[in-house]
PDB file of N, CA and C in Angstrom:
ATOM      1  N   UNK A   1     126.919 120.593  85.789  1.00  0.00           N
ATOM      2  CA  UNK A   1     125.915 120.927  86.770  1.00  0.00           C
ATOM      3  C   UNK A   1     124.546 120.372  86.373  1.00  0.00           C
ATOM      4  N   UNK A   2     124.234 120.443  85.064  1.00  0.00           N
ATOM      5  CA  UNK A   2     122.956 119.942  84.585  1.00  0.00           C
ATOM      6  C   UNK A   2     122.845 118.432  84.824  1.00  0.00           C
ATOM      7  N   UNK A   3     123.930 117.711  84.612  1.00  0.00           N
ATOM      8  CA  UNK A   3     123.938 116.262  84.845  1.00  0.00           C
ATOM      9  C   UNK A   3     123.709 115.959  86.327  1.00  0.00           C
ATOM     10  N   UNK A   4     124.309 116.773  87.204  1.00  0.00           N
ATOM     11  CA  UNK A   4     124.127 116.615  88.639  1.00  0.00           C
ATOM     12  C   UNK A   4     122.654 116.771  89.018  1.00  0.00           C
ATOM     13  N   UNK A   5     121.996 117.752  88.452  1.00  0.00           N
ATOM     14  CA  UNK A   5     120.578 117.975  88.743  1.00  0.00           C
ATOM     15  C   UNK A   5     119.727 116.797  88.297  1.00  0.00           C
ATOM     16  N   UNK A   6     120.008 116.280  87.131  1.00  0.00           N
ATOM     17  CA  UNK A   6     119.247 115.126  86.632  1.00  0.00           C
ATOM     18  C   UNK A   6     119.461 113.913  87.526  1.00  0.00           C
ATOM     19  N   UNK A   7     120.685 113.702  87.937  1.00  0.00           N
ATOM     20  CA  UNK A   7     120.987 112.573  88.820  1.00  0.00           C
ATOM     21  C   UNK A   7     120.305 112.758  90.168  1.00  0.00           C
ATOM     22  N   UNK A   8     120.372 113.962  90.704  1.00  0.00           N
ATOM     23  CA  UNK A   8     119.731 114.250  91.979  1.00  0.00           C
ATOM     24  C   UNK A   8     118.219 114.039  91.877  1.00  0.00           C
ATOM     25  N   UNK A   9     117.608 114.495  90.808  1.00  0.00           N
ATOM     26  CA  UNK A   9     116.167 114.321  90.608  1.00  0.00           C
ATOM     27  C   UNK A   9     115.819 112.839  90.533  1.00  0.00           C
ATOM     28  N   UNK A  10     116.638 112.050  89.830  1.00  0.00           N
ATOM     29  CA  UNK A  10     116.384 110.615  89.715  1.00  0.00           C
ATOM     30  C   UNK A  10     116.482 109.932  91.079  1.00  0.00           C
ATOM     31  N   UNK A  11     117.451 110.332  91.881  1.00  0.00           N
ATOM     32  CA  UNK A  11     117.612 109.758  93.218  1.00  0.00           C
ATOM     33  C   UNK A  11     116.417 110.110  94.098  1.00  0.00           C
ATOM     34  N   UNK A  12     115.961 111.340  94.017  1.00  0.00           N
ATOM     35  CA  UNK A  12     114.811 111.766  94.820  1.00  0.00           C
ATOM     36  C   UNK A  12     113.564 111.000  94.415  1.00  0.00           C
ATOM     37  N   UNK A  13     113.311 110.882  93.120  1.00  0.00           N
ATOM     38  CA  UNK A  13     112.135 110.158  92.637  1.00  0.00           C
ATOM     39  C   UNK A  13     112.210 108.691  93.050  1.00  0.00           C
ATOM     40  N   UNK A  14     113.365 108.083  92.911  1.00  0.00           N
ATOM     41  CA  UNK A  14     113.525 106.680  93.296  1.00  0.00           C
ATOM     42  C   UNK A  14     113.335 106.499  94.797  1.00  0.00           C
ATOM     43  N   UNK A  15     113.793 107.461  95.566  1.00  0.00           N
ATOM     44  CA  UNK A  15     113.647 107.388  97.015  1.00  0.00           C
ATOM     45  C   UNK A  15     112.216 107.564  97.475  1.00  0.00           C
ATOM     46  N   UNK A  16     111.420 108.294  96.716  1.00  0.00           N
ATOM     47  CA  UNK A  16     110.026 108.509  97.075  1.00  0.00           C
ATOM     48  C   UNK A  16     109.137 107.339  96.665  1.00  0.00           C
ATOM     49  N   UNK A  17     109.620 106.488  95.814  1.00  0.00           N
ATOM     50  CA  UNK A  17     108.835 105.348  95.345  1.00  0.00           C
ATOM     51  C   UNK A  17     108.162 104.566  96.453  1.00  0.00           C
ATOM     52  N   UNK A  18     108.896 104.170  97.495  1.00  0.00           N
ATOM     53  CA  UNK A  18     108.251 103.422  98.575  1.00  0.00           C
ATOM     54  C   UNK A  18     107.221 104.232  99.360  1.00  0.00           C
ATOM     55  N   UNK A  19     107.267 105.546  99.250  1.00  0.00           N
ATOM     56  CA  UNK A  19     106.315 106.387  99.977  1.00  0.00           C
ATOM     57  C   UNK A  19     104.977 106.503  99.262  1.00  0.00           C
ATOM     58  N   UNK A  20     104.964 106.172  97.969  1.00  0.00           N
ATOM     59  CA  UNK A  20     103.729 106.267  97.200  1.00  0.00           C
ATOM     60  C   UNK A  20     102.827 105.115  97.603  1.00  0.00           C
ATOM     61  N   UNK A  21     101.596 105.436  97.935  1.00  0.00           N
ATOM     62  CA  UNK A  21     100.656 104.414  98.377  1.00  0.00           C
ATOM     63  C   UNK A  21      99.641 104.187  97.268  1.00  0.00           C
ATOM     64  N   UNK A  22      99.522 102.948  96.842  1.00  0.00           N
ATOM     65  CA  UNK A  22      98.538 102.581  95.840  1.00  0.00           C
ATOM     66  C   UNK A  22      97.377 101.910  96.539  1.00  0.00           C
ATOM     67  N   UNK A  23      96.168 102.313  96.190  1.00  0.00           N
ATOM     68  CA  UNK A  23      94.988 101.668  96.765  1.00  0.00           C
ATOM     69  C   UNK A  23      94.932 100.236  96.264  1.00  0.00           C
ATOM     70  N   UNK A  24      94.624  99.358  97.164  1.00  0.00           N
ATOM     71  CA  UNK A  24      94.536  97.960  96.797  1.00  0.00           C
ATOM     72  C   UNK A  24      93.107  97.478  96.873  1.00  0.00           C
ATOM     73  N   UNK A  25      92.856  96.313  96.326  1.00  0.00           N
ATOM     74  CA  UNK A  25      91.502  95.770  96.419  1.00  0.00           C
ATOM     75  C   UNK A  25      91.068  95.643  97.879  1.00  0.00           C
ATOM     76  N   UNK A  26      89.812  95.984  98.142  1.00  0.00           N
ATOM     77  CA  UNK A  26      89.290  95.916  99.498  1.00  0.00           C
ATOM     78  C   UNK A  26      87.917  95.246  99.456  1.00  0.00           C
ATOM     79  N   UNK A  27      87.721  94.308 100.349  1.00  0.00           N
ATOM     80  CA  UNK A  27      86.449  93.602 100.446  1.00  0.00           C
ATOM     81  C   UNK A  27      85.499  94.471 101.258  1.00  0.00           C
ATOM     82  N   UNK A  28      84.479  95.001 100.606  1.00  0.00           N
ATOM     83  CA  UNK A  28      83.562  95.918 101.283  1.00  0.00           C
ATOM     84  C   UNK A  28      82.632  95.197 102.254  1.00  0.00           C
ATOM     85  N   UNK A  29      82.647  93.875 102.241  1.00  0.00           N
ATOM     86  CA  UNK A  29      81.833  93.110 103.182  1.00  0.00           C
ATOM     87  C   UNK A  29      82.582  92.749 104.464  1.00  0.00           C
ATOM     88  N   UNK A  30      83.890  92.911 104.464  1.00  0.00           N
ATOM     89  CA  UNK A  30      84.657  92.521 105.646  1.00  0.00           C
ATOM     90  C   UNK A  30      85.560  93.629 106.186  1.00  0.00           C
ATOM     91  N   UNK A  31      85.861  94.625 105.385  1.00  0.00           N
ATOM     92  CA  UNK A  31      86.797  95.678 105.806  1.00  0.00           C
ATOM     93  C   UNK A  31      86.174  96.580 106.869  1.00  0.00           C
ATOM     94  N   UNK A  32      87.005  97.018 107.804  1.00  0.00           N
ATOM     95  CA  UNK A  32      86.538  97.974 108.802  1.00  0.00           C
ATOM     96  C   UNK A  32      86.582  99.378 108.201  1.00  0.00           C
ATOM     97  N   UNK A  33      86.027 100.339 108.919  1.00  0.00           N
ATOM     98  CA  UNK A  33      85.927 101.707 108.412  1.00  0.00           C
ATOM     99  C   UNK A  33      87.299 102.303 108.115  1.00  0.00           C
ATOM    100  N   UNK A  34      88.264 102.033 108.961  1.00  0.00           N
ATOM    101  CA  UNK A  34      89.607 102.581 108.752  1.00  0.00           C
ATOM    102  C   UNK A  34      90.199 102.079 107.438  1.00  0.00           C
ATOM    103  N   UNK A  35      90.048 100.796 107.167  1.00  0.00           N
ATOM    104  CA  UNK A  35      90.575 100.214 105.931  1.00  0.00           C
ATOM    105  C   UNK A  35      89.855 100.773 104.714  1.00  0.00           C
ATOM    106  N   UNK A  36      88.543 100.889 104.789  1.00  0.00           N
ATOM    107  CA  UNK A  36      87.777 101.444 103.675  1.00  0.00           C
ATOM    108  C   UNK A  36      88.239 102.863 103.363  1.00  0.00           C
ATOM    109  N   UNK A  37      88.412 103.677 104.390  1.00  0.00           N
ATOM    110  CA  UNK A  37      88.842 105.064 104.196  1.00  0.00           C
ATOM    111  C   UNK A  37      90.244 105.133 103.606  1.00  0.00           C
ATOM    112  N   UNK A  38      91.093 104.221 104.004  1.00  0.00           N
ATOM    113  CA  UNK A  38      92.477 104.223 103.532  1.00  0.00           C
ATOM    114  C   UNK A  38      92.588 103.727 102.096  1.00  0.00           C
ATOM    115  N   UNK A  39      91.807 102.739 101.739  1.00  0.00           N
ATOM    116  CA  UNK A  39      91.971 102.072 100.450  1.00  0.00           C
ATOM    117  C   UNK A  39      91.108 102.605  99.318  1.00  0.00           C
ATOM    118  N   UNK A  40      90.024 103.292  99.614  1.00  0.00           N
ATOM    119  CA  UNK A  40      89.122 103.751  98.561  1.00  0.00           C
ATOM    120  C   UNK A  40      89.207 105.256  98.373  1.00  0.00           C
ATOM    121  N   UNK A  41      89.366 105.686  97.140  1.00  0.00           N
ATOM    122  CA  UNK A  41      89.439 107.113  96.811  1.00  0.00           C
ATOM    123  C   UNK A  41      88.089 107.774  97.044  1.00  0.00           C
ATOM    124  N   UNK A  42      88.106 108.936  97.650  1.00  0.00           N
ATOM    125  CA  UNK A  42      86.889 109.690  97.880  1.00  0.00           C
ATOM    126  C   UNK A  42      86.074 109.196  99.060  1.00  0.00           C
ATOM    127  N   UNK A  43      86.613 108.229  99.781  1.00  0.00           N
ATOM    128  CA  UNK A  43      85.946 107.688 100.967  1.00  0.00           C
ATOM    129  C   UNK A  43      86.752 108.111 102.185  1.00  0.00           C
ATOM    130  N   UNK A  44      86.191 109.028 102.949  1.00  0.00           N
ATOM    131  CA  UNK A  44      86.835 109.460 104.180  1.00  0.00           C
ATOM    132  C   UNK A  44      86.259 108.689 105.353  1.00  0.00           C
ATOM    133  N   UNK A  45      86.578 109.124 106.530  1.00  0.00           N
ATOM    134  CA  UNK A  45      86.145 108.425 107.746  1.00  0.00           C
ATOM    135  C   UNK A  45      84.627 108.349 107.867  1.00  0.00           C
ATOM    136  N   UNK A  46      83.920 109.442 107.564  1.00  0.00           N
ATOM    137  CA  UNK A  46      82.457 109.462 107.711  1.00  0.00           C
ATOM    138  C   UNK A  46      81.781 108.529 106.714  1.00  0.00           C
ATOM    139  N   UNK A  47      82.206 108.574 105.454  1.00  0.00           N
ATOM    140  CA  UNK A  47      81.619 107.681 104.451  1.00  0.00           C
ATOM    141  C   UNK A  47      81.962 106.231 104.744  1.00  0.00           C
ATOM    142  N   UNK A  48      83.175 105.985 105.185  1.00  0.00           N
ATOM    143  CA  UNK A  48      83.573 104.617 105.516  1.00  0.00           C
ATOM    144  C   UNK A  48      82.709 104.070 106.645  1.00  0.00           C
ATOM    145  N   UNK A  49      82.461 104.896 107.650  1.00  0.00           N
ATOM    146  CA  UNK A  49      81.605 104.470 108.756  1.00  0.00           C
ATOM    147  C   UNK A  49      80.176 104.223 108.262  1.00  0.00           C
ATOM    148  N   UNK A  50      79.716 105.051 107.321  1.00  0.00           N
ATOM    149  CA  UNK A  50      78.382 104.863 106.746  1.00  0.00           C
ATOM    150  C   UNK A  50      78.297 103.537 105.996  1.00  0.00           C
ATOM    151  N   UNK A  51      79.369 103.146 105.323  1.00  0.00           N
ATOM    152  CA  UNK A  51      79.401 101.863 104.610  1.00  0.00           C
ATOM    153  C   UNK A  51      79.281 100.720 105.612  1.00  0.00           C
ATOM    154  N   UNK A  52      80.048 100.787 106.686  1.00  0.00           N
ATOM    155  CA  UNK A  52      80.008  99.738 107.709  1.00  0.00           C
ATOM    156  C   UNK A  52      78.614  99.663 108.333  1.00  0.00           C
ATOM    157  N   UNK A  53      78.032 100.805 108.663  1.00  0.00           N
ATOM    158  CA  UNK A  53      76.704 100.820 109.273  1.00  0.00           C
ATOM    159  C   UNK A  53      75.639 100.291 108.310  1.00  0.00           C
ATOM    160  N   UNK A  54      75.747 100.644 107.038  1.00  0.00           N
ATOM    161  CA  UNK A  54      74.809 100.137 106.032  1.00  0.00           C
ATOM    162  C   UNK A  54      74.903  98.612 105.956  1.00  0.00           C
ATOM    163  N   UNK A  55      76.119  98.116 105.932  1.00  0.00           N
ATOM    164  CA  UNK A  55      76.360  96.673 105.854  1.00  0.00           C
ATOM    165  C   UNK A  55      75.804  95.962 107.084  1.00  0.00           C
ATOM    166  N   UNK A  56      75.985  96.560 108.249  1.00  0.00           N
ATOM    167  CA  UNK A  56      75.474  95.952 109.487  1.00  0.00           C
ATOM    168  C   UNK A  56      73.947  95.933 109.509  1.00  0.00           C
ATOM    169  N   UNK A  57      73.329  96.971 108.957  1.00  0.00           N
ATOM    170  CA  UNK A  57      71.869  97.079 108.962  1.00  0.00           C
ATOM    171  C   UNK A  57      71.209  96.216 107.882  1.00  0.00           C
ATOM    172  N   UNK A  58      71.811  96.171 106.689  1.00  0.00           N
ATOM    173  CA  UNK A  58      71.188  95.527 105.532  1.00  0.00           C
ATOM    174  C   UNK A  58      71.826  94.204 105.129  1.00  0.00           C
ATOM    175  N   UNK A  59      72.891  93.816 105.786  1.00  0.00           N
ATOM    176  CA  UNK A  59      73.587  92.592 105.409  1.00  0.00           C
ATOM    177  C   UNK A  59      74.660  92.867 104.374  1.00  0.00           C
ATOM    178  N   UNK A  60      75.366  91.829 103.976  1.00  0.00           N
ATOM    179  CA  UNK A  60      76.489  92.008 103.049  1.00  0.00           C
ATOM    180  C   UNK A  60      76.031  92.510 101.674  1.00  0.00           C
ATOM    181  N   UNK A  61      76.943  93.207 101.026  1.00  0.00           N
ATOM    182  CA  UNK A  61      76.691  93.671  99.670  1.00  0.00           C
ATOM    183  C   UNK A  61      76.720  92.463  98.733  1.00  0.00           C
ATOM    184  N   UNK A  62      75.788  92.421  97.798  1.00  0.00           N
ATOM    185  CA  UNK A  62      75.746  91.335  96.818  1.00  0.00           C
ATOM    186  C   UNK A  62      76.460  91.697  95.532  1.00  0.00           C
ATOM    187  N   UNK A  63      76.650  92.981  95.303  1.00  0.00           N
ATOM    188  CA  UNK A  63      77.379  93.445  94.125  1.00  0.00           C
ATOM    189  C   UNK A  63      78.109  94.724  94.490  1.00  0.00           C
ATOM    190  N   UNK A  64      79.132  95.035  93.731  1.00  0.00           N
ATOM    191  CA  UNK A  64      79.884  96.267  93.977  1.00  0.00           C
ATOM    192  C   UNK A  64      78.995  97.489  93.769  1.00  0.00           C
ATOM    193  N   UNK A  65      78.076  97.417  92.820  1.00  0.00           N
ATOM    194  CA  UNK A  65      77.189  98.539  92.523  1.00  0.00           C
ATOM    195  C   UNK A  65      76.304  98.915  93.710  1.00  0.00           C
ATOM    196  N   UNK A  66      76.006  97.962  94.577  1.00  0.00           N
ATOM    197  CA  UNK A  66      75.183  98.246  95.759  1.00  0.00           C
ATOM    198  C   UNK A  66      75.843  99.256  96.691  1.00  0.00           C
ATOM    199  N   UNK A  67      77.127  99.454  96.545  1.00  0.00           N
ATOM    200  CA  UNK A  67      77.826 100.450  97.359  1.00  0.00           C
ATOM    201  C   UNK A  67      77.206 101.836  97.155  1.00  0.00           C
ATOM    202  N   UNK A  68      76.623 102.066  95.972  1.00  0.00           N
ATOM    203  CA  UNK A  68      76.016 103.367  95.687  1.00  0.00           C
ATOM    204  C   UNK A  68      74.711 103.578  96.456  1.00  0.00           C
ATOM    205  N   UNK A  69      74.219 102.557  97.140  1.00  0.00           N
ATOM    206  CA  UNK A  69      73.040 102.712  97.987  1.00  0.00           C
ATOM    207  C   UNK A  69      73.376 103.419  99.301  1.00  0.00           C
ATOM    208  N   UNK A  70      74.655 103.481  99.617  1.00  0.00           N
ATOM    209  CA  UNK A  70      75.115 104.141 100.838  1.00  0.00           C
ATOM    210  C   UNK A  70      75.100 105.645 100.610  1.00  0.00           C
ATOM    211  N   UNK A  71      74.508 106.369 101.539  1.00  0.00           N
ATOM    212  CA  UNK A  71      74.446 107.824 101.449  1.00  0.00           C
ATOM    213  C   UNK A  71      75.853 108.410 101.318  1.00  0.00           C
ATOM    214  N   UNK A  72      76.040 109.245 100.316  1.00  0.00           N
ATOM    215  CA  UNK A  72      77.333 109.890 100.106  1.00  0.00           C
ATOM    216  C   UNK A  72      78.226 109.170  99.128  1.00  0.00           C
ATOM    217  N   UNK A  73      77.830 107.993  98.684  1.00  0.00           N
ATOM    218  CA  UNK A  73      78.622 107.255  97.702  1.00  0.00           C
ATOM    219  C   UNK A  73      77.850 107.276  96.388  1.00  0.00           C
ATOM    220  N   UNK A  74      78.264 108.145  95.506  1.00  0.00           N
ATOM    221  CA  UNK A  74      77.599 108.279  94.224  1.00  0.00           C
ATOM    222  C   UNK A  74      78.347 107.570  93.121  1.00  0.00           C
ATOM    223  N   UNK A  75      77.864 107.769  91.928  1.00  0.00           N
ATOM    224  CA  UNK A  75      78.450 107.098  90.762  1.00  0.00           C
ATOM    225  C   UNK A  75      79.917 107.483  90.555  1.00  0.00           C
ATOM    226  N   UNK A  76      80.243 108.746  90.777  1.00  0.00           N
ATOM    227  CA  UNK A  76      81.628 109.204  90.561  1.00  0.00           C
ATOM    228  C   UNK A  76      82.594 108.479  91.506  1.00  0.00           C
ATOM    229  N   UNK A  77      82.240 108.397  92.780  1.00  0.00           N
ATOM    230  CA  UNK A  77      83.095 107.708  93.754  1.00  0.00           C
ATOM    231  C   UNK A  77      83.154 106.219  93.419  1.00  0.00           C
ATOM    232  N   UNK A  78      82.006 105.649  93.069  1.00  0.00           N
ATOM    233  CA  UNK A  78      81.984 104.230  92.710  1.00  0.00           C
ATOM    234  C   UNK A  78      82.887 103.955  91.517  1.00  0.00           C
ATOM    235  N   UNK A  79      82.752 104.743  90.453  1.00  0.00           N
ATOM    236  CA  UNK A  79      83.559 104.524  89.251  1.00  0.00           C
ATOM    237  C   UNK A  79      85.050 104.687  89.525  1.00  0.00           C
ATOM    238  N   UNK A  80      85.393 105.614  90.415  1.00  0.00           N
ATOM    239  CA  UNK A  80      86.803 105.823  90.755  1.00  0.00           C
ATOM    240  C   UNK A  80      87.394 104.611  91.472  1.00  0.00           C
ATOM    241  N   UNK A  81      86.536 103.808  92.085  1.00  0.00           N
ATOM    242  CA  UNK A  81      87.006 102.680  92.888  1.00  0.00           C
ATOM    243  C   UNK A  81      86.606 101.312  92.338  1.00  0.00           C
ATOM    244  N   UNK A  82      85.895 101.277  91.246  1.00  0.00           N
ATOM    245  CA  UNK A  82      85.349 100.027  90.708  1.00  0.00           C
ATOM    246  C   UNK A  82      86.371  98.884  90.707  1.00  0.00           C
ATOM    247  N   UNK A  83      87.566  99.142  90.267  1.00  0.00           N
ATOM    248  CA  UNK A  83      88.588  98.112  90.171  1.00  0.00           C
ATOM    249  C   UNK A  83      89.152  97.650  91.508  1.00  0.00           C
ATOM    250  N   UNK A  84      88.877  98.384  92.575  1.00  0.00           N
ATOM    251  CA  UNK A  84      89.420  98.043  93.890  1.00  0.00           C
ATOM    252  C   UNK A  84      88.368  97.515  94.860  1.00  0.00           C
ATOM    253  N   UNK A  85      87.154  97.312  94.375  1.00  0.00           N
ATOM    254  CA  UNK A  85      86.079  96.843  95.244  1.00  0.00           C
ATOM    255  C   UNK A  85      85.909  95.347  95.075  1.00  0.00           C
ATOM    256  N   UNK A  86      86.048  94.634  96.188  1.00  0.00           N
ATOM    257  CA  UNK A  86      85.807  93.193  96.201  1.00  0.00           C
ATOM    258  C   UNK A  86      84.554  92.918  97.009  1.00  0.00           C
ATOM    259  N   UNK A  87      83.846  91.880  96.633  1.00  0.00           N
ATOM    260  CA  UNK A  87      82.657  91.461  97.377  1.00  0.00           C
ATOM    261  C   UNK A  87      82.995  90.260  98.256  1.00  0.00           C
ATOM    262  N   UNK A  88      83.768  89.346  97.713  1.00  0.00           N
ATOM    263  CA  UNK A  88      84.228  88.194  98.494  1.00  0.00           C
ATOM    264  C   UNK A  88      85.566  87.743  97.932  1.00  0.00           C
ATOM    265  N   UNK A  89      86.296  87.040  98.757  1.00  0.00           N
ATOM    266  CA  UNK A  89      87.581  86.526  98.311  1.00  0.00           C
ATOM    267  C   UNK A  89      87.355  85.334  97.397  1.00  0.00           C
ATOM    268  N   UNK A  90      88.155  85.242  96.392  1.00  0.00           N
ATOM    269  CA  UNK A  90      88.069  84.104  95.488  1.00  0.00           C
ATOM    270  C   UNK A  90      88.773  82.925  96.145  1.00  0.00           C
ATOM    271  N   UNK A  91      88.103  81.788  96.161  1.00  0.00           N
ATOM    272  CA  UNK A  91      88.753  80.584  96.666  1.00  0.00           C
ATOM    273  C   UNK A  91      89.360  79.859  95.467  1.00  0.00           C
ATOM    274  N   UNK A  92      90.296  78.947  95.692  1.00  0.00           N
ATOM    275  CA  UNK A  92      90.939  78.250  94.591  1.00  0.00           C
ATOM    276  C   UNK A  92      89.938  77.498  93.706  1.00  0.00           C
ATOM    277  N   UNK A  93      88.769  77.124  94.238  1.00  0.00           N
ATOM    278  CA  UNK A  93      87.816  76.352  93.455  1.00  0.00           C
ATOM    279  C   UNK A  93      86.919  77.236  92.595  1.00  0.00           C
ATOM    280  N   UNK A  94      86.984  78.560  92.748  1.00  0.00           N
ATOM    281  CA  UNK A  94      86.116  79.455  91.971  1.00  0.00           C
ATOM    282  C   UNK A  94      86.773  79.871  90.682  1.00  0.00           C
TER     283      UNK A  94
END
C-alpha cells in the first residue's frame, strides 16, 4: 500500500508539472498591462496599468531600475522581478 501511495503521488506531481506557470522575461517597454500582470510577481492589474501609463507619459524605460519610479512598484517588487525584466530585445549583433 505504501508503494502505491508513492507511485500515486509521483503521478500526480508529474501531471501537475504542465500546470505550473513560470514567469518569463518581459519587456517593460513593449508589454501590455495584461502581460505585465501575468509575468511579474507582485504586479496586479492596477500596477500593470500604472506601468503602461507611466511609459506612455514619460517614454520608454532606460533601465530596469526605473520601474521603481512607478507608483506602487517598490524595491521589494523590483528585486523579486529583476531577472525577468527586459528593456529591449537583444539583436544578434548585440
